[in-house]
Amino acid sequence: MTHLISGCFLFYLYRDVLSVMVAKKSITKYFQESIGNLQGIGLELSSLLVFMVSGILTFFILKHTVPSRKYGQMVLYLLLMFIFLAGLRYFIEEVVYLYFFGSGNYYGNIPVWYYLVDNSYFTSDFSLIGAIYFFFVYSIFNETQHHKTIAENKKSELSFLKSQINPHFLFNSLNNLYSLVYYKSDMALDYISKLSNLIRYSLYESDEKIALKKEINYLNDFIDLEKIRLDYSPSLKMDIGENIGNIKIPPYIFAPFVENAFKHGDLKNEEQPIEIKIKKEGKDLWMSVKNKIKKKEKDKTGGIGLENLKKRLELIYGQKHELNISEKKDTFETNLKLIDIC
C-alpha cells in the first residue's frame, strides 16, 4: 500500500504541480498564485486527498470483486466511488472553504452534472494508478499461488511414489521371520532389527534430502535380509566410493535399482555377480547396478519399480540427471548420474 500512496503522490507532483509550473513558466509565480495563501494550500491538500483516496478505493474495490469475478459490482462500486469523491471534494472546497475563505475552487453557479464529470475526469488518472497497482500485485499473487500449487502437487506425487513399497518383499520377509521364530533361530532378532530398519526408512524418512550414508545403510540391511532368506550366499560385488556418505540425496533413490537386481537377477552366477557401484565423479554422483537376468522369473510385479523411479527423478532433478537402462542378451544394467550435487 505504501507503494500505491507513493505512486499517487509522485503522479500528483508531476501532473498537478510540475505541469502548472511549466505552464506558468515560473516557479515563483506558481507559488504565489497556487499556494501563496492559506486557501491555496488548502485547495492543494484537498485535491491531493481526494486523488489519493480514489487510487486507494479503486485498489480495494478491484481486490474484492475481480478475484471473485463480480464485475457488475465492480462497475457499480466504481461509479459510486466517483460520486462519493465528487461530493467529498464539493463539501470541502465549495462549502467549508466558502465559509472560511469566502470563495471555493469553482466560480459561479455550475451544474451538478458538470461538477461530477469534471471531478471524475481529474480523479480517473489516480483511479487508473490504483487499478494498475492492483493488477500488478494480483499477477504476482497468482504466480506465487501457481508455483505453490505445483510444489504441493509435486510433493504429493513424490510422497505417493515413495510410499509404494514392494508388498511381495514385505510378505516374503514376514514369512521368513515366521520361519526363523518358529524354529527358534539365533538370526531371528537380527532379522527383526534389519526388517524394522527397512520399514521405518521406507515409511518415515520424509525429508526432502538425506545423507547418502542412510541410503547405503538401507541397502546393506536389504542385502543382509536377502542373504538370510536365501539358502545360499548370493553372488555380489559392492563398491562404495570414499567420502560420499554426507552427500545429500532424496531418500529411496538408489534402493529400487538394487531391489530390482535381486528380484530379477541370477544370484547364483559367480562369473557374473550383481555389481553395485556408487561413486563421486567431480561434482556428480554416479550409481551403476549390473546383473545377469535369471531364466525363470516368478514375480513380474513390483512396488515402486523403475518406471515410478523415473517419474521421481524427473520431478526432482529434471535435466540435472541422466538415467540409462540397457538390456543386452542376458544382462541388465542401470546407470544413474545425479549432476552437480556434490
Protein backbone atom coordinates (compact mmCIF):
# COMPACT_ATOMS: atom_id res chain seq x y z
CA MET A 1 0.00 0.00 0.00
CA THR A 2 2.93 2.33 0.65
CA HIS A 3 3.97 1.90 -2.98
CA LEU A 4 0.48 2.89 -4.16
CA ILE A 5 0.39 6.01 -1.99
CA SER A 6 3.88 6.99 -3.11
CA GLY A 7 2.94 6.46 -6.74
CA CYS A 8 -0.16 8.64 -6.42
CA PHE A 9 1.83 11.37 -4.70
CA LEU A 10 4.56 11.39 -7.34
CA PHE A 11 2.00 11.45 -10.12
CA TYR A 12 0.27 14.36 -8.40
CA LEU A 13 3.55 16.29 -8.27
CA TYR A 14 4.10 15.56 -11.96
CA ARG A 15 0.58 16.31 -13.22
CA ASP A 16 -0.73 19.00 -10.89
CA VAL A 17 2.43 20.76 -9.73
CA LEU A 18 5.18 20.37 -12.29
CA SER A 19 2.82 20.82 -15.25
CA VAL A 20 1.44 24.02 -13.73
CA MET A 21 4.95 25.32 -13.13
CA VAL A 22 5.81 24.67 -16.76
CA ALA A 23 2.59 26.34 -17.95
CA LYS A 24 3.25 29.44 -15.83
CA LYS A 25 6.95 29.33 -16.82
CA SER A 26 7.91 30.40 -13.33
CA ILE A 27 8.24 28.53 -10.06
CA THR A 28 7.85 31.78 -8.15
CA LYS A 29 4.64 32.61 -9.98
CA TYR A 30 3.30 29.13 -9.24
CA PHE A 31 3.89 29.51 -5.52
CA GLN A 32 2.37 32.98 -5.49
CA GLU A 33 -0.80 32.04 -7.36
CA SER A 34 -1.31 28.42 -6.24
CA ILE A 35 -0.07 28.11 -2.68
CA GLY A 36 0.79 31.67 -1.79
CA ASN A 37 -2.03 31.86 0.73
CA LEU A 38 -3.85 29.63 3.16
CA GLN A 39 -6.76 28.91 0.81
CA GLY A 40 -4.35 27.88 -1.97
CA ILE A 41 -2.61 25.46 0.35
CA GLY A 42 -5.99 24.09 1.44
CA LEU A 43 -7.10 23.55 -2.16
CA GLU A 44 -3.88 21.69 -2.98
CA LEU A 45 -4.23 19.45 0.08
CA SER A 46 -7.91 18.68 -0.53
CA SER A 47 -7.19 17.82 -4.16
CA LEU A 48 -4.33 15.58 -3.12
CA LEU A 49 -6.53 13.89 -0.51
CA VAL A 50 -9.33 13.14 -2.97
CA PHE A 51 -6.94 11.91 -5.64
CA MET A 52 -5.11 9.56 -3.28
CA VAL A 53 -8.36 8.22 -1.86
CA SER A 54 -9.53 7.45 -5.41
CA GLY A 55 -6.42 5.32 -6.04
CA ILE A 56 -6.75 3.50 -2.72
CA LEU A 57 -10.51 2.89 -3.08
CA THR A 58 -10.06 1.62 -6.64
CA PHE A 59 -7.46 -0.87 -5.39
CA PHE A 60 -9.77 -2.25 -2.69
CA ILE A 61 -12.81 -2.34 -4.99
CA LEU A 62 -10.89 -4.42 -7.53
CA LYS A 63 -9.41 -6.57 -4.76
CA HIS A 64 -12.87 -7.58 -3.54
CA THR A 65 -14.55 -8.00 -6.93
CA VAL A 66 -12.06 -9.14 -9.59
CA PRO A 67 -10.85 -12.40 -7.92
CA SER A 68 -14.49 -13.49 -7.40
CA ARG A 69 -15.44 -12.20 -10.88
CA LYS A 70 -18.12 -9.87 -9.57
CA TYR A 71 -17.73 -7.46 -12.45
CA GLY A 72 -21.20 -5.95 -12.11
CA GLN A 73 -20.48 -4.99 -8.51
CA MET A 74 -17.10 -3.63 -9.59
CA VAL A 75 -18.68 -1.21 -12.08
CA LEU A 76 -21.34 -0.17 -9.57
CA TYR A 77 -18.81 0.44 -6.79
CA LEU A 78 -16.56 2.47 -9.10
CA LEU A 79 -19.45 4.68 -10.15
CA LEU A 80 -20.44 5.19 -6.52
CA MET A 81 -16.83 5.97 -5.69
CA PHE A 82 -16.64 8.77 -8.28
CA ILE A 83 -19.93 10.22 -6.99
CA PHE A 84 -18.71 10.00 -3.39
CA LEU A 85 -15.36 11.66 -4.15
CA ALA A 86 -17.02 14.44 -6.12
CA GLY A 87 -19.36 15.01 -3.17
CA LEU A 88 -16.45 14.92 -0.71
CA ARG A 89 -14.48 17.46 -2.71
CA TYR A 90 -17.57 19.65 -3.16
CA PHE A 91 -18.21 19.64 0.60
CA ILE A 92 -14.60 20.57 1.41
CA GLU A 93 -13.96 23.14 -1.31
CA GLU A 94 -17.39 24.61 -2.02
CA VAL A 95 -18.92 24.51 1.46
CA VAL A 96 -16.16 24.55 4.09
CA TYR A 97 -13.75 26.78 2.17
CA LEU A 98 -16.57 29.08 1.07
CA TYR A 99 -17.50 29.52 4.71
CA PHE A 100 -13.94 30.25 5.91
CA PHE A 101 -12.40 31.99 2.91
CA GLY A 102 -15.42 33.47 1.15
CA SER A 103 -14.80 31.52 -2.09
CA GLY A 104 -14.37 27.96 -3.30
CA ASN A 105 -12.48 26.29 -6.09
CA TYR A 106 -15.13 26.90 -8.78
CA TYR A 107 -16.51 30.27 -9.78
CA GLY A 108 -20.17 30.96 -10.37
CA ASN A 109 -23.07 28.57 -10.30
CA ILE A 110 -22.14 25.40 -12.21
CA PRO A 111 -24.46 22.46 -12.90
CA VAL A 112 -24.15 19.39 -10.71
CA TRP A 113 -23.50 17.15 -13.69
CA TYR A 114 -20.60 19.33 -14.84
CA TYR A 115 -19.03 19.27 -11.37
CA LEU A 116 -19.41 15.49 -11.23
CA VAL A 117 -17.96 14.90 -14.70
CA ASP A 118 -15.13 17.39 -14.22
CA ASN A 119 -14.02 15.88 -10.89
CA SER A 120 -14.39 12.32 -12.18
CA TYR A 121 -12.11 13.24 -15.06
CA PHE A 122 -9.39 14.55 -12.78
CA THR A 123 -9.65 11.63 -10.32
CA SER A 124 -9.72 8.98 -13.07
CA ASP A 125 -5.94 9.17 -13.56
CA PHE A 126 -5.33 8.25 -9.92
CA SER A 127 -8.02 5.59 -10.10
CA LEU A 128 -6.09 4.13 -13.03
CA ILE A 129 -2.93 4.08 -10.91
CA GLY A 130 -4.83 2.13 -8.25
CA ALA A 131 -6.06 -0.32 -10.91
CA ILE A 132 -2.56 -0.80 -12.35
CA TYR A 133 -1.15 -1.38 -8.87
CA PHE A 134 -3.89 -3.94 -8.12
CA PHE A 135 -3.30 -5.96 -11.27
CA PHE A 136 0.44 -5.87 -10.66
CA VAL A 137 0.00 -7.22 -7.11
CA TYR A 138 -2.69 -9.66 -8.26
CA SER A 139 -0.48 -11.09 -11.02
CA ILE A 140 2.36 -11.63 -8.54
CA PHE A 141 -0.06 -13.30 -6.11
CA ASN A 142 -1.41 -15.60 -8.84
CA GLU A 143 2.11 -16.51 -9.94
CA THR A 144 3.08 -17.29 -6.35
CA GLN A 145 -0.04 -19.41 -5.84
CA HIS A 146 0.62 -21.20 -9.13
CA HIS A 147 4.14 -22.14 -8.09
CA LYS A 148 2.89 -23.10 -4.64
CA THR A 149 0.26 -25.41 -6.15
CA ILE A 150 2.84 -27.00 -8.44
CA ALA A 151 5.16 -27.53 -5.47
CA GLU A 152 2.37 -29.08 -3.38
CA ASN A 153 1.30 -31.36 -6.23
CA LYS A 154 4.91 -32.34 -6.80
CA LYS A 155 5.37 -33.10 -3.12
CA SER A 156 2.16 -35.16 -3.03
CA GLU A 157 3.17 -37.14 -6.09
CA LEU A 158 6.63 -37.77 -4.71
CA SER A 159 5.16 -38.95 -1.40
CA PHE A 160 2.80 -41.26 -3.26
CA LEU A 161 5.57 -42.73 -5.39
CA LYS A 162 7.91 -43.13 -2.46
CA SER A 163 5.29 -44.89 -0.34
CA GLN A 164 4.80 -47.73 -2.81
CA ILE A 165 6.81 -50.41 -1.01
CA ASN A 166 7.11 -53.77 -2.73
CA PRO A 167 4.41 -55.83 -0.98
CA HIS A 168 5.90 -59.12 -2.18
CA PHE A 169 9.19 -58.33 -0.48
CA LEU A 170 7.34 -57.46 2.72
CA PHE A 171 5.25 -60.66 2.66
CA ASN A 172 8.28 -62.80 1.92
CA SER A 173 10.20 -61.13 4.73
CA LEU A 174 7.37 -61.78 7.20
CA ASN A 175 7.19 -65.41 6.11
CA ASN A 176 10.94 -65.72 6.59
CA LEU A 177 10.67 -64.12 10.00
CA TYR A 178 7.90 -66.54 10.94
CA SER A 179 10.11 -69.48 9.99
CA LEU A 180 13.07 -68.14 11.97
CA VAL A 181 10.94 -67.57 15.05
CA TYR A 182 9.20 -70.93 14.68
CA TYR A 183 12.49 -72.81 14.55
CA LYS A 184 13.97 -70.53 17.26
CA SER A 185 16.82 -69.44 15.05
CA ASP A 186 19.54 -67.23 16.52
CA MET A 187 19.15 -65.00 13.46
CA ALA A 188 15.56 -64.04 14.30
CA LEU A 189 16.39 -60.99 16.43
CA ASP A 190 18.89 -59.67 13.87
CA TYR A 191 16.32 -60.25 11.13
CA ILE A 192 13.63 -58.33 13.06
CA SER A 193 16.02 -55.43 13.64
CA LYS A 194 17.01 -55.16 9.98
CA LEU A 195 13.43 -55.54 8.73
CA SER A 196 12.30 -52.87 11.18
CA ASN A 197 15.00 -50.52 9.87
CA LEU A 198 13.86 -51.09 6.28
CA ILE A 199 10.20 -50.47 7.02
CA ARG A 200 10.99 -47.40 9.12
CA TYR A 201 13.18 -45.97 6.37
CA SER A 202 10.58 -46.62 3.65
CA LEU A 203 7.65 -45.17 5.58
CA TYR A 204 9.04 -42.40 7.77
CA GLU A 205 12.11 -40.97 6.04
CA SER A 206 10.21 -37.97 4.72
CA ASP A 207 13.00 -35.35 4.50
CA GLU A 208 13.49 -33.94 1.02
CA LYS A 209 17.23 -34.65 1.20
CA ILE A 210 19.11 -37.07 3.47
CA ALA A 211 22.73 -38.12 3.88
CA LEU A 212 23.72 -40.79 1.35
CA LYS A 213 25.02 -43.00 4.18
CA LYS A 214 21.39 -43.57 5.29
CA GLU A 215 20.52 -44.93 1.85
CA ILE A 216 23.65 -47.10 1.90
CA ASN A 217 22.65 -48.45 5.34
CA TYR A 218 19.27 -49.31 3.87
CA LEU A 219 20.94 -51.18 1.01
CA ASN A 220 23.15 -53.13 3.44
CA ASP A 221 20.15 -54.13 5.56
CA PHE A 222 18.23 -55.16 2.46
CA ILE A 223 21.11 -57.28 1.20
CA ASP A 224 21.55 -58.90 4.62
CA LEU A 225 17.86 -59.81 4.70
CA GLU A 226 18.15 -61.33 1.26
CA LYS A 227 21.13 -63.37 2.41
CA ILE A 228 19.13 -64.70 5.35
CA ARG A 229 16.18 -65.50 3.13
CA LEU A 230 18.19 -67.49 0.60
CA ASP A 231 19.63 -70.90 1.31
CA TYR A 232 22.85 -69.85 -0.39
CA SER A 233 25.16 -66.82 -0.43
CA PRO A 234 24.26 -64.58 -3.38
CA SER A 235 27.00 -63.64 -5.81
CA LEU A 236 27.55 -59.92 -5.21
CA LYS A 237 30.17 -57.21 -5.60
CA MET A 238 29.56 -53.86 -3.93
CA ASP A 239 31.89 -50.90 -4.47
CA ILE A 240 31.15 -47.75 -2.44
CA GLY A 241 33.38 -44.74 -3.06
CA GLU A 242 35.12 -42.83 -0.29
CA ASN A 243 33.95 -39.57 1.27
CA ILE A 244 30.41 -39.71 -0.15
CA GLY A 245 28.41 -40.50 2.99
CA ASN A 246 27.38 -36.90 3.67
CA ILE A 247 26.25 -36.10 0.12
CA LYS A 248 22.56 -35.18 0.20
CA ILE A 249 20.09 -37.16 -1.91
CA PRO A 250 16.32 -37.79 -1.78
CA PRO A 251 15.51 -40.96 0.18
CA TYR A 252 14.82 -44.20 -1.68
CA ILE A 253 16.52 -43.12 -4.92
CA PHE A 254 19.18 -45.84 -5.27
CA ALA A 255 17.35 -48.65 -3.44
CA PRO A 256 14.96 -49.64 -6.28
CA PHE A 257 17.90 -50.45 -8.58
CA VAL A 258 19.32 -52.91 -6.05
CA GLU A 259 15.89 -54.38 -5.27
CA ASN A 260 15.28 -54.85 -8.98
CA ALA A 261 18.62 -56.66 -9.37
CA PHE A 262 17.85 -59.10 -6.54
CA LYS A 263 14.34 -59.60 -7.84
CA HIS A 264 15.22 -60.38 -11.47
CA GLY A 265 18.93 -61.21 -11.30
CA ASP A 266 20.65 -64.57 -11.31
CA LEU A 267 22.02 -64.61 -7.77
CA LYS A 268 23.96 -67.87 -8.14
CA ASN A 269 26.16 -66.94 -11.09
CA GLU A 270 29.65 -66.38 -9.71
CA GLU A 271 31.05 -65.41 -13.10
CA GLN A 272 28.51 -62.58 -13.44
CA PRO A 273 27.73 -61.41 -9.91
CA ILE A 274 25.44 -58.50 -9.16
CA GLU A 275 27.65 -55.40 -9.35
CA ILE A 276 26.72 -52.33 -7.34
CA LYS A 277 28.85 -49.18 -7.62
CA ILE A 278 28.28 -45.78 -6.05
CA LYS A 279 30.98 -43.18 -6.70
CA LYS A 280 31.60 -39.46 -6.97
CA GLU A 281 32.87 -38.06 -10.27
CA GLY A 282 33.78 -34.42 -9.85
CA LYS A 283 30.56 -32.75 -8.69
CA ASP A 284 28.39 -35.61 -9.98
CA LEU A 285 27.18 -38.68 -8.10
CA TRP A 286 27.06 -41.87 -10.11
CA MET A 287 25.47 -45.27 -9.43
CA SER A 288 25.62 -48.41 -11.52
CA VAL A 289 23.87 -51.74 -10.97
CA LYS A 290 24.53 -54.67 -13.28
CA ASN A 291 23.14 -58.19 -13.07
CA LYS A 292 22.68 -61.33 -15.09
CA ILE A 293 18.98 -61.99 -15.78
CA LYS A 294 17.70 -65.25 -14.35
CA LYS A 295 15.97 -67.53 -16.80
CA LYS A 296 12.74 -68.08 -14.84
CA GLU A 297 11.04 -65.19 -13.12
CA LYS A 298 8.08 -65.86 -10.88
CA ASP A 299 7.41 -62.33 -9.72
CA LYS A 300 6.71 -59.96 -12.57
CA THR A 301 5.17 -57.21 -10.48
CA GLY A 302 6.85 -54.86 -8.06
CA GLY A 303 6.33 -51.93 -5.76
CA ILE A 304 7.80 -48.62 -6.71
CA GLY A 305 9.58 -50.14 -9.73
CA LEU A 306 11.86 -48.48 -12.21
CA GLU A 307 9.03 -46.72 -14.04
CA ASN A 308 7.90 -44.90 -10.92
CA LEU A 309 11.50 -44.14 -10.07
CA LYS A 310 11.87 -42.47 -13.48
CA LYS A 311 8.96 -40.19 -12.56
CA ARG A 312 10.55 -39.32 -9.21
CA LEU A 313 13.87 -38.47 -10.82
CA GLU A 314 12.16 -36.31 -13.43
CA LEU A 315 10.16 -34.45 -10.79
CA ILE A 316 13.16 -33.87 -8.51
CA TYR A 317 16.07 -33.35 -10.88
CA GLY A 318 14.62 -32.62 -14.32
CA GLN A 319 17.53 -32.05 -16.70
CA LYS A 320 20.08 -32.45 -13.91
CA HIS A 321 20.15 -36.24 -14.07
CA GLU A 322 20.97 -38.93 -16.59
CA LEU A 323 19.40 -42.38 -16.39
CA ASN A 324 20.41 -45.12 -18.82
CA ILE A 325 18.79 -48.54 -18.65
CA SER A 326 20.05 -51.23 -21.02
CA GLU A 327 19.30 -54.90 -21.53
CA LYS A 328 21.73 -56.89 -23.66
CA LYS A 329 21.14 -60.61 -24.15
CA ASP A 330 21.07 -61.89 -20.57
CA THR A 331 22.50 -58.80 -18.84
CA PHE A 332 20.55 -55.92 -17.33
CA GLU A 333 22.33 -52.69 -16.40
CA THR A 334 21.25 -49.32 -14.98
CA ASN A 335 23.41 -46.21 -14.76
CA LEU A 336 22.26 -43.11 -12.91
CA LYS A 337 24.15 -39.82 -12.75
CA LEU A 338 22.97 -37.00 -10.49
CA ILE A 339 24.57 -33.88 -11.90
CA ASP A 340 26.27 -31.19 -9.84
CA ILE A 341 25.08 -32.28 -6.37
CA CYS A 342 28.42 -32.99 -4.67
